Protein backbone atom coordinates (compact mmCIF):
# COMPACT_ATOMS: atom_id res chain seq x y z
CA MET A 1 -1.01 2.28 27.30
CA LYS A 2 -3.55 -0.28 26.24
CA THR A 3 -2.86 -3.32 24.13
CA PRO A 4 -4.80 -3.60 20.86
CA ALA A 5 -6.99 -6.34 22.34
CA GLU A 6 -8.08 -4.05 25.18
CA TYR A 7 -9.74 -1.67 22.73
CA LEU A 8 -12.06 -4.44 21.54
CA ALA A 9 -14.61 -4.83 24.31
CA CYS A 10 -16.88 -6.93 22.14
CA PRO A 11 -17.27 -10.54 21.04
CA VAL A 12 -14.75 -11.83 18.54
CA PHE A 13 -15.99 -14.66 16.33
CA GLU A 14 -13.88 -17.26 14.58
CA LEU A 15 -14.75 -17.55 10.91
CA THR A 16 -13.66 -20.87 9.46
CA TYR A 17 -13.35 -21.71 5.82
CA PRO A 18 -15.36 -24.58 4.30
CA THR A 19 -12.56 -27.02 5.11
CA GLY A 20 -13.16 -26.44 8.82
CA GLU A 21 -9.44 -26.42 9.60
CA VAL A 22 -8.43 -24.46 12.67
CA ALA A 23 -5.39 -23.11 10.81
CA GLU A 24 -7.73 -21.48 8.31
CA SER A 25 -9.86 -19.69 10.88
CA VAL A 26 -9.91 -15.90 10.97
CA PRO A 27 -11.01 -13.69 13.89
CA VAL A 28 -13.98 -11.51 12.90
CA VAL A 29 -15.32 -8.41 14.64
CA ALA A 30 -18.47 -6.45 13.82
CA TYR A 31 -17.81 -3.30 11.77
CA ASP A 32 -19.29 -0.92 14.37
CA ASP A 33 -17.18 -2.47 17.12
CA ALA A 34 -14.06 -2.14 14.98
CA VAL A 35 -14.83 1.52 14.24
CA ARG A 36 -15.34 2.24 17.95
CA ALA A 37 -12.05 0.52 18.80
CA VAL A 38 -10.15 2.53 16.18
CA GLU A 39 -11.72 5.80 17.37
CA ALA A 40 -10.78 5.00 20.97
CA ALA A 41 -7.22 4.16 19.93
CA LEU A 42 -6.92 7.42 17.98
CA ALA A 43 -8.25 9.41 20.93
CA ASP A 44 -5.71 7.76 23.23
CA ALA A 45 -2.92 8.41 20.72
CA GLU A 46 -3.88 12.09 20.63
CA LYS A 47 -3.87 12.20 24.44
CA TYR A 48 -0.46 10.52 24.65
CA LYS A 49 0.89 12.87 21.99
CA TYR A 50 -0.33 15.88 24.00
CA LEU A 51 1.20 14.53 27.21
CA LEU A 52 4.51 13.80 25.49
CA MET A 53 4.71 17.25 23.90
CA ARG A 54 3.87 18.91 27.23
CA ALA A 55 6.58 16.89 28.99
CA LEU A 56 9.11 17.84 26.32
CA ARG A 57 8.24 21.53 26.66
CA ARG A 58 8.54 21.40 30.44
CA SER A 59 11.84 19.55 30.43
CA GLY A 60 13.40 21.86 27.83
CA THR A 61 16.64 23.39 29.02
CA GLY A 62 16.21 26.43 26.83
CA GLN A 63 19.38 25.57 24.95
CA GLN A 64 19.34 27.10 21.50
CA TYR A 65 21.46 25.62 18.74
CA PRO A 66 23.45 27.99 16.52
CA ALA A 67 22.40 28.44 12.90
CA LEU A 68 24.55 26.90 10.20
CA SER A 69 25.86 30.21 8.95
CA GLY A 70 29.48 29.06 8.65
CA MET A 71 28.82 26.95 5.57
CA PRO A 72 30.09 28.39 2.27
CA GLU A 73 27.56 29.21 -0.44
CA THR A 74 28.00 26.95 -3.44
CA PRO A 75 26.18 27.66 -6.68
CA VAL A 76 23.71 25.05 -7.91
CA LEU A 77 24.31 24.15 -11.55
CA PRO A 78 21.91 22.19 -13.79
CA LEU A 79 22.96 18.66 -14.73
CA TYR A 80 21.74 18.92 -18.31
CA PRO A 81 22.07 21.66 -20.91
CA PRO A 82 18.93 23.81 -21.39
CA ASN A 83 18.10 22.31 -24.82
CA GLU A 84 17.83 18.79 -23.26
CA LEU A 85 15.47 19.72 -20.42
CA ALA A 86 11.92 18.38 -20.71
CA ALA A 87 9.14 20.92 -20.91
């Protein structure tokens, strides 16, 4: 997997505030470059999701879990009387 910085194959500028302090500088990337980086990251995420789901299907043991049919049915009662319910 790539690190976030690897998706940005473009120049990153340092925007400084009028004080000129290094602590107040902010990295800035062009909008188009940022959009391309996000699209590439989403495409990779989709690819990794596909590969993970395929690996899970292949490694499945076929074990089925029983349904929870042994639980007793309990009636659901309202907390408030009908004349106090909001419309």
